[in-house]
Amino acid sequence: MAAVTPADPSDSVSGALSQLRTHLSELTGKVAAYKQENELSAAELQQLSESASSGELGADMQAAANLVASGQDTWQAMFAGDSSNAGLIVSNFDRSVSENSAAVRAGLGS
């Protein structure tokens, strides 16, 4: 019977690191694709700006639109949470959820 040579631990670590790099690369690609698929078009951003500027979406969104129009911020940064003004967007979502939760529940049959 031949003697079994113990495995070199560095081979196991190298293999694990290689797999990790592969998975991270795949994940990075998936995140980039997700971001691209969920990015608002120029027409959608224009409509958002118009609705927000008019006050139709509330005072916070109007303030956000003013920041975008003046070049002080971008919709993308606010929606991504990368802006200190992201709270303006969040407050609009919170208001919308509060105002529409009963309709959503009714639509879901709950």
C-alpha atoms as a PDB file:
ATOM      1  CA  MET A   1       0.000   0.000   0.000  1.00  0.00           C
ATOM      2  CA  ALA A   2       1.370   3.402  -0.994  1.00  0.00           C
ATOM      3  CA  ALA A   3       1.830   6.097   1.598  1.00  0.00           C
ATOM      4  CA  VAL A   4      -0.662   8.977   1.465  1.00  0.00           C
ATOM      5  CA  THR A   5       0.960  12.380   1.296  1.00  0.00           C
ATOM      6  CA  PRO A   6      -0.840  14.984   3.393  1.00  0.00           C
ATOM      7  CA  ALA A   7      -2.348  17.857   1.424  1.00  0.00           C
ATOM      8  CA  ASP A   8      -0.494  21.148   1.466  1.00  0.00           C
ATOM      9  CA  PRO A   9      -2.675  23.670   3.362  1.00  0.00           C
ATOM     10  CA  SER A  10      -1.560  26.471   1.046  1.00  0.00           C
ATOM     11  CA  ASP A  11      -3.189  24.601  -1.876  1.00  0.00           C
ATOM     12  CA  SER A  12      -6.514  24.620  -0.047  1.00  0.00           C
ATOM     13  CA  VAL A  13      -6.205  28.323   0.750  1.00  0.00           C
ATOM     14  CA  SER A  14      -5.221  29.155  -2.834  1.00  0.00           C
ATOM     15  CA  GLY A  15      -8.194  27.205  -4.157  1.00  0.00           C
ATOM     16  CA  ALA A  16     -10.583  28.914  -1.763  1.00  0.00           C
ATOM     17  CA  LEU A  17      -9.224  32.347  -2.691  1.00  0.00           C
ATOM     18  CA  SER A  18      -9.607  31.566  -6.371  1.00  0.00           C
ATOM     19  CA  GLN A  19     -13.233  30.537  -5.860  1.00  0.00           C
ATOM     20  CA  LEU A  20     -13.869  33.652  -3.778  1.00  0.00           C
ATOM     21  CA  ARG A  21     -12.430  35.899  -6.511  1.00  0.00           C
ATOM     22  CA  THR A  22     -14.613  34.175  -9.108  1.00  0.00           C
ATOM     23  CA  HIS A  23     -17.754  34.626  -7.000  1.00  0.00           C
ATOM     24  CA  LEU A  24     -16.912  38.261  -6.244  1.00  0.00           C
ATOM     25  CA  SER A  25     -16.413  38.956  -9.930  1.00  0.00           C
ATOM     26  CA  GLU A  26     -19.776  37.368 -10.768  1.00  0.00           C
ATOM     27  CA  LEU A  27     -21.469  39.330  -7.989  1.00  0.00           C
ATOM     28  CA  THR A  28     -19.933  42.595  -9.168  1.00  0.00           C
ATOM     29  CA  GLY A  29     -21.317  41.939 -12.637  1.00  0.00           C
ATOM     30  CA  LYS A  30     -24.771  41.156 -11.250  1.00  0.00           C
ATOM     31  CA  VAL A  31     -24.804  44.337  -9.155  1.00  0.00           C
ATOM     32  CA  ALA A  32     -23.796  46.428 -12.176  1.00  0.00           C
ATOM     33  CA  ALA A  33     -26.536  44.816 -14.282  1.00  0.00           C
ATOM     34  CA  TYR A  34     -29.115  45.368 -11.529  1.00  0.00           C
ATOM     35  CA  LYS A  35     -28.174  49.041 -11.241  1.00  0.00           C
ATOM     36  CA  GLN A  36     -28.376  49.513 -14.994  1.00  0.00           C
ATOM     37  CA  GLU A  37     -31.751  47.754 -15.254  1.00  0.00           C
ATOM     38  CA  ASN A  38     -33.226  49.866 -12.456  1.00  0.00           C
ATOM     39  CA  GLU A  39     -31.847  53.222 -13.548  1.00  0.00           C
ATOM     40  CA  LEU A  40     -34.453  55.795 -14.489  1.00  0.00           C
ATOM     41  CA  SER A  41     -34.461  56.879 -18.109  1.00  0.00           C
ATOM     42  CA  ALA A  42     -33.936  60.521 -19.069  1.00  0.00           C
ATOM     43  CA  ALA A  43     -37.665  60.810 -19.795  1.00  0.00           C
ATOM     44  CA  GLU A  44     -38.558  59.342 -16.388  1.00  0.00           C
ATOM     45  CA  LEU A  45     -36.141  61.711 -14.639  1.00  0.00           C
ATOM     46  CA  GLN A  46     -37.646  64.640 -16.544  1.00  0.00           C
ATOM     47  CA  GLN A  47     -41.174  63.620 -15.515  1.00  0.00           C
ATOM     48  CA  LEU A  48     -40.037  63.185 -11.918  1.00  0.00           C
ATOM     49  CA  SER A  49     -38.433  66.629 -11.945  1.00  0.00           C
ATOM     50  CA  GLU A  50     -41.559  68.230 -13.370  1.00  0.00           C
ATOM     51  CA  SER A  51     -43.921  66.521 -10.926  1.00  0.00           C
ATOM     52  CA  ALA A  52     -41.655  67.276  -7.981  1.00  0.00           C
ATOM     53  CA  SER A  53     -41.016  70.898  -9.007  1.00  0.00           C
ATOM     54  CA  SER A  54     -44.736  71.573  -9.277  1.00  0.00           C
ATOM     55  CA  GLY A  55     -45.271  70.468  -5.685  1.00  0.00           C
ATOM     56  CA  GLU A  56     -47.428  67.551  -6.826  1.00  0.00           C
ATOM     57  CA  LEU A  57     -45.202  65.137  -4.873  1.00  0.00           C
ATOM     58  CA  GLY A  58     -45.008  67.215  -1.708  1.00  0.00           C
ATOM     59  CA  ALA A  59     -42.706  69.822  -0.239  1.00  0.00           C
ATOM     60  CA  ASP A  60     -39.748  67.492   0.327  1.00  0.00           C
ATOM     61  CA  MET A  61     -39.710  66.328  -3.275  1.00  0.00           C
ATOM     62  CA  GLN A  62     -40.070  69.941  -4.403  1.00  0.00           C
ATOM     63  CA  ALA A  63     -36.988  70.783  -2.331  1.00  0.00           C
ATOM     64  CA  ALA A  64     -35.180  67.815  -3.886  1.00  0.00           C
ATOM     65  CA  ALA A  65     -36.139  68.977  -7.379  1.00  0.00           C
ATOM     66  CA  ASN A  66     -34.807  72.445  -6.597  1.00  0.00           C
ATOM     67  CA  LEU A  67     -31.487  70.938  -5.517  1.00  0.00           C
ATOM     68  CA  VAL A  68     -31.309  68.934  -8.752  1.00  0.00           C
ATOM     69  CA  ALA A  69     -32.295  71.925 -10.902  1.00  0.00           C
ATOM     70  CA  SER A  70     -29.631  74.094  -9.270  1.00  0.00           C
ATOM     71  CA  GLY A  71     -26.956  71.430  -9.796  1.00  0.00           C
ATOM     72  CA  GLN A  72     -26.398  70.966  -6.064  1.00  0.00           C
ATOM     73  CA  ASP A  73     -27.465  67.312  -6.164  1.00  0.00           C
ATOM     74  CA  THR A  74     -28.686  64.545  -8.479  1.00  0.00           C
ATOM     75  CA  TRP A  75     -31.692  62.269  -8.377  1.00  0.00           C
ATOM     76  CA  GLN A  76     -29.362  59.283  -8.750  1.00  0.00           C
ATOM     77  CA  ALA A  77     -27.342  60.230  -5.666  1.00  0.00           C
ATOM     78  CA  MET A  78     -30.453  60.826  -3.594  1.00  0.00           C
ATOM     79  CA  PHE A  79     -32.106  57.541  -4.654  1.00  0.00           C
ATOM     80  CA  ALA A  80     -28.875  55.631  -4.020  1.00  0.00           C
ATOM     81  CA  GLY A  81     -28.576  57.120  -0.536  1.00  0.00           C
ATOM     82  CA  ASP A  82     -25.232  58.652  -1.492  1.00  0.00           C
ATOM     83  CA  SER A  83     -26.483  62.179  -0.838  1.00  0.00           C
ATOM     84  CA  SER A  84     -27.016  63.952   2.449  1.00  0.00           C
ATOM     85  CA  ASN A  85     -30.364  64.964   0.921  1.00  0.00           C
ATOM     86  CA  ALA A  86     -31.594  61.359   0.552  1.00  0.00           C
ATOM     87  CA  GLY A  87     -33.959  61.945   3.475  1.00  0.00           C
ATOM     88  CA  LEU A  88     -36.076  64.103   1.170  1.00  0.00           C
ATOM     89  CA  ILE A  89     -36.760  61.012  -0.942  1.00  0.00           C
ATOM     90  CA  VAL A  90     -37.321  58.762   2.078  1.00  0.00           C
ATOM     91  CA  SER A  91     -39.887  61.111   3.584  1.00  0.00           C
ATOM     92  CA  ASN A  92     -41.792  61.025   0.270  1.00  0.00           C
ATOM     93  CA  PHE A  93     -41.781  57.214   0.298  1.00  0.00           C
ATOM     94  CA  ASP A  94     -42.940  57.179   3.915  1.00  0.00           C
ATOM     95  CA  ARG A  95     -45.800  59.572   3.106  1.00  0.00           C
ATOM     96  CA  SER A  96     -46.773  57.530   0.050  1.00  0.00           C
ATOM     97  CA  VAL A  97     -46.816  54.292   2.040  1.00  0.00           C
ATOM     98  CA  SER A  98     -48.908  55.910   4.748  1.00  0.00           C
ATOM     99  CA  GLU A  99     -51.393  57.362   2.266  1.00  0.00           C
ATOM    100  CA  ASN A 100     -51.693  54.234   0.124  1.00  0.00           C
ATOM    101  CA  SER A 101     -51.285  51.295   2.491  1.00  0.00           C
ATOM    102  CA  ALA A 102     -55.039  50.635   2.746  1.00  0.00           C
ATOM    103  CA  ALA A 103     -55.379  50.572  -1.047  1.00  0.00           C
ATOM    104  CA  VAL A 104     -52.417  48.223  -1.354  1.00  0.00           C
ATOM    105  CA  ARG A 105     -53.859  45.890   1.274  1.00  0.00           C
ATOM    106  CA  ALA A 106     -57.232  45.944  -0.491  1.00  0.00           C
ATOM    107  CA  GLY A 107     -55.535  45.182  -3.801  1.00  0.00           C
ATOM    108  CA  LEU A 108     -53.752  42.230  -2.254  1.00  0.00           C
ATOM    109  CA  GLY A 109     -56.976  40.966  -0.748  1.00  0.00           C
ATOM    110  CA  SER A 110     -55.860  41.330   2.871  1.00  0.00           C
END
